[in-house]
Amino acid sequence: FQPESLIDLLCSDIMGAKSKYVIVQIASVITGATRVWLRERAADKTSRILFDPALGRECLFEEVKRIKGKTDLSKNVKKMYGIEN
C-alpha cells in the first residue's frame, strides 16, 4: 500500500478487533532500516524487495514485529505519515 492508503486506513478506524488488515514493521536484513507496512491479518509474514536508503540499493526487507495500532507507532513514524495521537 502507498503511504496515503495507510493514513486513510488508520484514520478510518479500521484497526478494530476484527480488522482485515494488520500494521507490521519490516526491516532490512542488511542494514536494519525499518518501514511500516500493511498486510492482511490472515496472510503469512511478509518479505519484500524494497529500496534501502542506508544501502542505496534494493534489498530484502522481512517482517520483524506486528504493530497493534496507531498508538504503538513511534513519534517519527507518526510525524512522517501525519498521524495524530
PDB file of N, CA and C in Angstrom:
ATOM      1  N   PHE A   1       0.825  -1.186   0.000  1.00  0.00           N
ATOM      2  CA  PHE A   1       0.000   0.000   0.000  1.00  0.00           C
ATOM      3  C   PHE A   1       0.865   1.244   0.000  1.00  0.00           C
ATOM      4  N   GLN A   2       0.355   2.281  -0.614  1.00  0.00           N
ATOM      5  CA  GLN A   2       1.039   3.563  -0.599  1.00  0.00           C
ATOM      6  C   GLN A   2       0.829   4.229   0.748  1.00  0.00           C
ATOM      7  N   PRO A   3       1.720   5.150   1.149  1.00  0.00           N
ATOM      8  CA  PRO A   3       1.556   5.820   2.441  1.00  0.00           C
ATOM      9  C   PRO A   3       0.202   6.495   2.604  1.00  0.00           C
ATOM     10  N   GLU A   4      -0.366   7.072   1.527  1.00  0.00           N
ATOM     11  CA  GLU A   4      -1.674   7.707   1.631  1.00  0.00           C
ATOM     12  C   GLU A   4      -2.735   6.685   2.039  1.00  0.00           C
ATOM     13  N   SER A   5      -2.637   5.475   1.529  1.00  0.00           N
ATOM     14  CA  SER A   5      -3.590   4.428   1.878  1.00  0.00           C
ATOM     15  C   SER A   5      -3.459   4.038   3.339  1.00  0.00           C
ATOM     16  N   LEU A   6      -2.233   3.995   3.853  1.00  0.00           N
ATOM     17  CA  LEU A   6      -2.008   3.660   5.254  1.00  0.00           C
ATOM     18  C   LEU A   6      -2.658   4.695   6.157  1.00  0.00           C
ATOM     19  N   ILE A   7      -2.493   5.971   5.821  1.00  0.00           N
ATOM     20  CA  ILE A   7      -3.116   7.037   6.614  1.00  0.00           C
ATOM     21  C   ILE A   7      -4.624   6.897   6.571  1.00  0.00           C
ATOM     22  N   ASP A   8      -5.167   6.670   5.386  1.00  0.00           N
ATOM     23  CA  ASP A   8      -6.617   6.522   5.252  1.00  0.00           C
ATOM     24  C   ASP A   8      -7.129   5.368   6.098  1.00  0.00           C
ATOM     25  N   LEU A   9      -6.424   4.244   6.075  1.00  0.00           N
ATOM     26  CA  LEU A   9      -6.867   3.083   6.839  1.00  0.00           C
ATOM     27  C   LEU A   9      -6.768   3.323   8.336  1.00  0.00           C
ATOM     28  N   LEU A  10      -5.694   3.968   8.780  1.00  0.00           N
ATOM     29  CA  LEU A  10      -5.552   4.247  10.207  1.00  0.00           C
ATOM     30  C   LEU A  10      -6.610   5.222  10.685  1.00  0.00           C
ATOM     31  N   CYS A  11      -6.846   6.261   9.907  1.00  0.00           N
ATOM     32  CA  CYS A  11      -7.773   7.309  10.330  1.00  0.00           C
ATOM     33  C   CYS A  11      -9.228   6.885  10.208  1.00  0.00           C
ATOM     34  N   SER A  12      -9.516   5.884   9.403  1.00  0.00           N
ATOM     35  CA  SER A  12     -10.903   5.451   9.247  1.00  0.00           C
ATOM     36  C   SER A  12     -11.301   4.430  10.307  1.00  0.00           C
ATOM     37  N   ASP A  13     -10.451   4.258  11.316  1.00  0.00           N
ATOM     38  CA  ASP A  13     -10.736   3.376  12.451  1.00  0.00           C
ATOM     39  C   ASP A  13     -10.959   1.935  12.008  1.00  0.00           C
ATOM     40  N   ILE A  14     -10.174   1.481  11.030  1.00  0.00           N
ATOM     41  CA  ILE A  14     -10.299   0.109  10.556  1.00  0.00           C
ATOM     42  C   ILE A  14      -9.536  -0.863  11.451  1.00  0.00           C
ATOM     43  N   MET A  15      -8.736  -0.348  12.371  1.00  0.00           N
ATOM     44  CA  MET A  15      -7.892  -1.206  13.193  1.00  0.00           C
ATOM     45  C   MET A  15      -8.642  -1.762  14.406  1.00  0.00           C
ATOM     46  N   GLY A  16      -9.872  -2.155  14.210  1.00  0.00           N
ATOM     47  CA  GLY A  16     -10.667  -2.740  15.282  1.00  0.00           C
ATOM     48  C   GLY A  16     -10.229  -4.159  15.586  1.00  0.00           C
ATOM     49  N   ALA A  17     -10.931  -4.816  16.498  1.00  0.00           N
ATOM     50  CA  ALA A  17     -10.564  -6.158  16.942  1.00  0.00           C
ATOM     51  C   ALA A  17     -10.629  -7.177  15.806  1.00  0.00           C
ATOM     52  N   LYS A  18     -11.541  -7.018  14.877  1.00  0.00           N
ATOM     53  CA  LYS A  18     -11.707  -7.985  13.792  1.00  0.00           C
ATOM     54  C   LYS A  18     -11.277  -7.389  12.455  1.00  0.00           C
ATOM     55  N   SER A  19     -10.278  -6.548  12.470  1.00  0.00           N
ATOM     56  CA  SER A  19      -9.809  -5.889  11.267  1.00  0.00           C
ATOM     57  C   SER A  19      -9.285  -6.909  10.258  1.00  0.00           C
ATOM     58  N   LYS A  20      -9.459  -6.605   8.984  1.00  0.00           N
ATOM     59  CA  LYS A  20      -8.949  -7.461   7.925  1.00  0.00           C
ATOM     60  C   LYS A  20      -7.441  -7.267   7.756  1.00  0.00           C
ATOM     61  N   TYR A  21      -6.932  -6.105   8.175  1.00  0.00           N
ATOM     62  CA  TYR A  21      -5.528  -5.766   7.980  1.00  0.00           C
ATOM     63  C   TYR A  21      -4.802  -5.593   9.303  1.00  0.00           C
ATOM     64  N   VAL A  22      -3.483  -5.759   9.261  1.00  0.00           N
ATOM     65  CA  VAL A  22      -2.638  -5.534  10.426  1.00  0.00           C
ATOM     66  C   VAL A  22      -1.438  -4.697   9.972  1.00  0.00           C
ATOM     67  N   ILE A  23      -1.000  -3.794  10.846  1.00  0.00           N
ATOM     68  CA  ILE A  23       0.168  -2.972  10.563  1.00  0.00           C
ATOM     69  C   ILE A  23       1.381  -3.703  11.117  1.00  0.00           C
ATOM     70  N   VAL A  24       2.427  -3.831  10.289  1.00  0.00           N
ATOM     71  CA  VAL A  24       3.639  -4.522  10.713  1.00  0.00           C
ATOM     72  C   VAL A  24       4.855  -3.642  10.443  1.00  0.00           C
ATOM     73  N   GLN A  25       5.926  -3.921  11.155  1.00  0.00           N
ATOM     74  CA  GLN A  25       7.194  -3.246  10.920  1.00  0.00           C
ATOM     75  C   GLN A  25       8.083  -4.223  10.178  1.00  0.00           C
ATOM     76  N   ILE A  26       8.658  -3.771   9.051  1.00  0.00           N
ATOM     77  CA  ILE A  26       9.581  -4.609   8.299  1.00  0.00           C
ATOM     78  C   ILE A  26      10.960  -3.956   8.367  1.00  0.00           C
ATOM     79  N   ALA A  27      12.003  -4.779   8.354  1.00  0.00           N
ATOM     80  CA  ALA A  27      13.370  -4.273   8.480  1.00  0.00           C
ATOM     81  C   ALA A  27      14.262  -4.893   7.413  1.00  0.00           C
ATOM     82  N   SER A  28      15.222  -4.108   6.959  1.00  0.00           N
ATOM     83  CA  SER A  28      16.216  -4.585   6.009  1.00  0.00           C
ATOM     84  C   SER A  28      17.079  -5.647   6.679  1.00  0.00           C
ATOM     85  N   VAL A  29      17.311  -6.748   5.980  1.00  0.00           N
ATOM     86  CA  VAL A  29      18.139  -7.805   6.558  1.00  0.00           C
ATOM     87  C   VAL A  29      19.617  -7.411   6.560  1.00  0.00           C
ATOM     88  N   ILE A  30      19.988  -6.397   5.793  1.00  0.00           N
ATOM     89  CA  ILE A  30      21.386  -5.974   5.721  1.00  0.00           C
ATOM     90  C   ILE A  30      21.686  -4.844   6.701  1.00  0.00           C
ATOM     91  N   THR A  31      20.912  -3.757   6.645  1.00  0.00           N
ATOM     92  CA  THR A  31      21.228  -2.577   7.459  1.00  0.00           C
ATOM     93  C   THR A  31      20.329  -2.415   8.672  1.00  0.00           C
ATOM     94  N   GLY A  32      19.182  -3.074   8.684  1.00  0.00           N
ATOM     95  CA  GLY A  32      18.252  -2.922   9.796  1.00  0.00           C
ATOM     96  C   GLY A  32      17.320  -1.733   9.652  1.00  0.00           C
ATOM     97  N   ALA A  33      17.392  -1.007   8.531  1.00  0.00           N
ATOM     98  CA  ALA A  33      16.482   0.114   8.290  1.00  0.00           C
ATOM     99  C   ALA A  33      15.048  -0.407   8.306  1.00  0.00           C
ATOM    100  N   THR A  34      14.130   0.345   8.915  1.00  0.00           N
ATOM    101  CA  THR A  34      12.762  -0.153   9.078  1.00  0.00           C
ATOM    102  C   THR A  34      11.760   0.663   8.286  1.00  0.00           C
ATOM    103  N   ARG A  35      10.633   0.027   8.027  1.00  0.00           N
ATOM    104  CA  ARG A  35       9.481   0.647   7.375  1.00  0.00           C
ATOM    105  C   ARG A  35       8.220   0.090   8.013  1.00  0.00           C
ATOM    106  N   VAL A  36       7.145   0.823   7.824  1.00  0.00           N
ATOM    107  CA  VAL A  36       5.835   0.355   8.268  1.00  0.00           C
ATOM    108  C   VAL A  36       5.117  -0.186   7.043  1.00  0.00           C
ATOM    109  N   TRP A  37       4.493  -1.344   7.177  1.00  0.00           N
ATOM    110  CA  TRP A  37       3.821  -1.998   6.056  1.00  0.00           C
ATOM    111  C   TRP A  37       2.451  -2.465   6.519  1.00  0.00           C
ATOM    112  N   LEU A  38       1.554  -2.641   5.600  1.00  0.00           N
ATOM    113  CA  LEU A  38       0.204  -3.094   5.889  1.00  0.00           C
ATOM    114  C   LEU A  38      -0.021  -4.403   5.149  1.00  0.00           C
ATOM    115  N   ARG A  39      -0.527  -5.420   5.868  1.00  0.00           N
ATOM    116  CA  ARG A  39      -0.821  -6.701   5.217  1.00  0.00           C
ATOM    117  C   ARG A  39      -2.116  -7.261   5.773  1.00  0.00           C
ATOM    118  N   GLU A  40      -2.674  -8.238   5.079  1.00  0.00           N
ATOM    119  CA  GLU A  40      -3.884  -8.879   5.570  1.00  0.00           C
ATOM    120  C   GLU A  40      -3.556  -9.710   6.802  1.00  0.00           C
ATOM    121  N   ARG A  41      -4.467  -9.727   7.735  1.00  0.00           N
ATOM    122  CA  ARG A  41      -4.265 -10.431   9.001  1.00  0.00           C
ATOM    123  C   ARG A  41      -3.993 -11.927   8.784  1.00  0.00           C
ATOM    124  N   ALA A  42      -4.704 -12.547   7.850  1.00  0.00           N
ATOM    125  CA  ALA A  42      -4.590 -13.989   7.636  1.00  0.00           C
ATOM    126  C   ALA A  42      -3.363 -14.379   6.809  1.00  0.00           C
ATOM    127  N   ALA A  43      -2.674 -13.407   6.218  1.00  0.00           N
ATOM    128  CA  ALA A  43      -1.524 -13.699   5.362  1.00  0.00           C
ATOM    129  C   ALA A  43      -0.309 -14.105   6.195  1.00  0.00           C
ATOM    130  N   ASP A  44       0.632 -14.792   5.527  1.00  0.00           N
ATOM    131  CA  ASP A  44       1.894 -15.151   6.179  1.00  0.00           C
ATOM    132  C   ASP A  44       2.715 -13.896   6.440  1.00  0.00           C
ATOM    133  N   LYS A  45       3.781 -14.049   7.242  1.00  0.00           N
ATOM    134  CA  LYS A  45       4.682 -12.919   7.479  1.00  0.00           C
ATOM    135  C   LYS A  45       5.199 -12.424   6.139  1.00  0.00           C
ATOM    136  N   THR A  46       5.341 -11.107   6.034  1.00  0.00           N
ATOM    137  CA  THR A  46       5.699 -10.513   4.755  1.00  0.00           C
ATOM    138  C   THR A  46       7.206 -10.362   4.596  1.00  0.00           C
ATOM    139  N   SER A  47       7.658 -10.484   3.368  1.00  0.00           N
ATOM    140  CA  SER A  47       9.033 -10.152   2.998  1.00  0.00           C
ATOM    141  C   SER A  47       8.963  -9.526   1.613  1.00  0.00           C
ATOM    142  N   ARG A  48       9.709  -8.461   1.418  1.00  0.00           N
ATOM    143  CA  ARG A  48       9.639  -7.679   0.185  1.00  0.00           C
ATOM    144  C   ARG A  48      11.040  -7.232  -0.232  1.00  0.00           C
ATOM    145  N   ILE A  49      11.213  -7.056  -1.521  1.00  0.00           N
ATOM    146  CA  ILE A  49      12.411  -6.419  -2.044  1.00  0.00           C
ATOM    147  C   ILE A  49      12.066  -4.941  -2.198  1.00  0.00           C
ATOM    148  N   LEU A  50      12.715  -4.092  -1.387  1.00  0.00           N
ATOM    149  CA  LEU A  50      12.447  -2.658  -1.386  1.00  0.00           C
ATOM    150  C   LEU A  50      13.763  -1.895  -1.393  1.00  0.00           C
ATOM    151  N   PHE A  51      13.681  -0.607  -1.722  1.00  0.00           N
ATOM    152  CA  PHE A  51      14.861   0.247  -1.707  1.00  0.00           C
ATOM    153  C   PHE A  51      15.270   0.538  -0.271  1.00  0.00           C
ATOM    154  N   ASP A  52      16.525   0.295   0.039  1.00  0.00           N
ATOM    155  CA  ASP A  52      17.074   0.580   1.369  1.00  0.00           C
ATOM    156  C   ASP A  52      17.889   1.871   1.279  1.00  0.00           C
ATOM    157  N   PRO A  53      17.407   2.961   1.888  1.00  0.00           N
ATOM    158  CA  PRO A  53      18.120   4.236   1.774  1.00  0.00           C
ATOM    159  C   PRO A  53      19.512   4.214   2.418  1.00  0.00           C
ATOM    160  N   ALA A  54      19.715   3.413   3.435  1.00  0.00           N
ATOM    161  CA  ALA A  54      21.026   3.337   4.080  1.00  0.00           C
ATOM    162  C   ALA A  54      22.048   2.648   3.179  1.00  0.00           C
ATOM    163  N   LEU A  55      21.589   1.709   2.375  1.00  0.00           N
ATOM    164  CA  LEU A  55      22.458   0.953   1.482  1.00  0.00           C
ATOM    165  C   LEU A  55      22.553   1.601   0.101  1.00  0.00           C
ATOM    166  N   GLY A  56      21.484   2.281  -0.299  1.00  0.00           N
ATOM    167  CA  GLY A  56      21.467   2.926  -1.605  1.00  0.00           C
ATOM    168  C   GLY A  56      21.056   2.007  -2.736  1.00  0.00           C
ATOM    169  N   ARG A  57      20.476   0.865  -2.409  1.00  0.00           N
ATOM    170  CA  ARG A  57      20.001  -0.066  -3.439  1.00  0.00           C
ATOM    171  C   ARG A  57      18.912  -0.951  -2.853  1.00  0.00           C
ATOM    172  N   GLU A  58      18.304  -1.770  -3.689  1.00  0.00           N
ATOM    173  CA  GLU A  58      17.232  -2.645  -3.229  1.00  0.00           C
ATOM    174  C   GLU A  58      17.803  -3.840  -2.466  1.00  0.00           C
ATOM    175  N   CYS A  59      17.080  -4.247  -1.434  1.00  0.00           N
ATOM    176  CA  CYS A  59      17.460  -5.444  -0.690  1.00  0.00           C
ATOM    177  C   CYS A  59      16.212  -6.031  -0.037  1.00  0.00           C
ATOM    178  N   LEU A  60      16.379  -7.139   0.634  1.00  0.00           N
ATOM    179  CA  LEU A  60      15.268  -7.852   1.246  1.00  0.00           C
ATOM    180  C   LEU A  60      14.872  -7.214   2.576  1.00  0.00           C
ATOM    181  N   PHE A  61      13.580  -6.952   2.733  1.00  0.00           N
ATOM    182  CA  PHE A  61      13.005  -6.499   3.994  1.00  0.00           C
ATOM    183  C   PHE A  61      12.110  -7.614   4.503  1.00  0.00           C
ATOM    184  N   GLU A  62      12.237  -7.967   5.779  1.00  0.00           N
ATOM    185  CA  GLU A  62      11.405  -9.003   6.388  1.00  0.00           C
ATOM    186  C   GLU A  62      10.655  -8.437   7.577  1.00  0.00           C
ATOM    187  N   GLU A  63       9.490  -9.018   7.841  1.00  0.00           N
ATOM    188  CA  GLU A  63       8.669  -8.579   8.973  1.00  0.00           C
ATOM    189  C   GLU A  63       9.381  -8.888  10.284  1.00  0.00           C
ATOM    190  N   VAL A  64       9.445  -7.877  11.162  1.00  0.00           N
ATOM    191  CA  VAL A  64      10.091  -8.087  12.457  1.00  0.00           C
ATOM    192  C   VAL A  64       9.099  -8.046  13.610  1.00  0.00           C
ATOM    193  N   LYS A  65       8.011  -7.272  13.480  1.00  0.00           N
ATOM    194  CA  LYS A  65       7.003  -7.280  14.540  1.00  0.00           C
ATOM    195  C   LYS A  65       5.691  -6.691  14.048  1.00  0.00           C
ATOM    196  N   ARG A  66       4.632  -7.073  14.730  1.00  0.00           N
ATOM    197  CA  ARG A  66       3.310  -6.526  14.454  1.00  0.00           C
ATOM    198  C   ARG A  66       3.117  -5.298  15.319  1.00  0.00           C
ATOM    199  N   ILE A  67       2.540  -4.265  14.730  1.00  0.00           N
ATOM    200  CA  ILE A  67       2.199  -3.065  15.475  1.00  0.00           C
ATOM    201  C   ILE A  67       0.699  -3.120  15.677  1.00  0.00           C
ATOM    202  N   LYS A  68       0.271  -3.146  16.907  1.00  0.00           N
ATOM    203  CA  LYS A  68      -1.136  -3.405  17.195  1.00  0.00           C
ATOM    204  C   LYS A  68      -2.061  -2.273  16.783  1.00  0.00           C
ATOM    205  N   GLY A  69      -1.596  -1.054  16.823  1.00  0.00           N
ATOM    206  CA  GLY A  69      -2.445   0.078  16.462  1.00  0.00           C
ATOM    207  C   GLY A  69      -1.630   1.340  16.358  1.00  0.00           C
ATOM    208  N   LYS A  70      -2.288   2.439  16.035  1.00  0.00           N
ATOM    209  CA  LYS A  70      -1.545   3.667  15.806  1.00  0.00           C
ATOM    210  C   LYS A  70      -0.897   4.206  17.071  1.00  0.00           C
ATOM    211  N   THR A  71      -1.381   3.827  18.254  1.00  0.00           N
ATOM    212  CA  THR A  71      -0.753   4.298  19.490  1.00  0.00           C
ATOM    213  C   THR A  71       0.610   3.648  19.702  1.00  0.00           C
ATOM    214  N   ASP A  72       0.865   2.514  19.064  1.00  0.00           N
ATOM    215  CA  ASP A  72       2.143   1.827  19.203  1.00  0.00           C
ATOM    216  C   ASP A  72       3.201   2.315  18.215  1.00  0.00           C
ATOM    217  N   LEU A  73       2.823   3.195  17.279  1.00  0.00           N
ATOM    218  CA  LEU A  73       3.779   3.718  16.311  1.00  0.00           C
ATOM    219  C   LEU A  73       4.714   4.710  16.986  1.00  0.00           C
ATOM    220  N   SER A  74       5.966   4.764  16.532  1.00  0.00           N
ATOM    221  CA  SER A  74       6.923   5.714  17.098  1.00  0.00           C
ATOM    222  C   SER A  74       6.560   7.138  16.672  1.00  0.00           C
ATOM    223  N   LYS A  75       7.097   8.122  17.384  1.00  0.00           N
ATOM    224  CA  LYS A  75       6.821   9.529  17.070  1.00  0.00           C
ATOM    225  C   LYS A  75       7.278   9.877  15.663  1.00  0.00           C
ATOM    226  N   ASN A  76       8.417   9.319  15.236  1.00  0.00           N
ATOM    227  CA  ASN A  76       8.929   9.599  13.894  1.00  0.00           C
ATOM    228  C   ASN A  76       7.975   9.100  12.814  1.00  0.00           C
ATOM    229  N   VAL A  77       7.441   7.911  12.998  1.00  0.00           N
ATOM    230  CA  VAL A  77       6.514   7.341  12.013  1.00  0.00           C
ATOM    231  C   VAL A  77       5.227   8.156  11.973  1.00  0.00           C
ATOM    232  N   LYS A  78       4.718   8.532  13.147  1.00  0.00           N
ATOM    233  CA  LYS A  78       3.505   9.350  13.195  1.00  0.00           C
ATOM    234  C   LYS A  78       3.719  10.673  12.478  1.00  0.00           C
ATOM    235  N   LYS A  79       4.880  11.285  12.690  1.00  0.00           N
ATOM    236  CA  LYS A  79       5.177  12.561  12.045  1.00  0.00           C
ATOM    237  C   LYS A  79       5.304  12.378  10.533  1.00  0.00           C
ATOM    238  N   MET A  80       5.959  11.297  10.103  1.00  0.00           N
ATOM    239  CA  MET A  80       6.176  11.041   8.688  1.00  0.00           C
ATOM    240  C   MET A  80       4.854  10.886   7.936  1.00  0.00           C
ATOM    241  N   TYR A  81       3.884  10.195   8.546  1.00  0.00           N
ATOM    242  CA  TYR A  81       2.615   9.936   7.880  1.00  0.00           C
ATOM    243  C   TYR A  81       1.512  10.907   8.295  1.00  0.00           C
ATOM    244  N   GLY A  82       1.819  11.879   9.150  1.00  0.00           N
ATOM    245  CA  GLY A  82       0.829  12.871   9.557  1.00  0.00           C
ATOM    246  C   GLY A  82      -0.282  12.291  10.404  1.00  0.00           C
ATOM    247  N   ILE A  83       0.050  11.364  11.302  1.00  0.00           N
ATOM    248  CA  ILE A  83      -0.948  10.705  12.142  1.00  0.00           C
ATOM    249  C   ILE A  83      -0.995  11.407  13.486  1.00  0.00           C
ATOM    250  N   GLU A  84      -2.180  11.803  13.901  1.00  0.00           N
ATOM    251  CA  GLU A  84      -2.357  12.452  15.199  1.00  0.00           C
ATOM    252  C   GLU A  84      -2.368  11.399  16.294  1.00  0.00           C
ATOM    253  N   ASN A  85      -2.111  11.827  17.538  1.00  0.00           N
ATOM    254  CA  ASN A  85      -2.118  10.900  18.681  1.00  0.00           C
ATOM    255  C   ASN A  85      -3.449  10.360  18.931  1.00  0.00           C
TER     256      ASN A  85
END
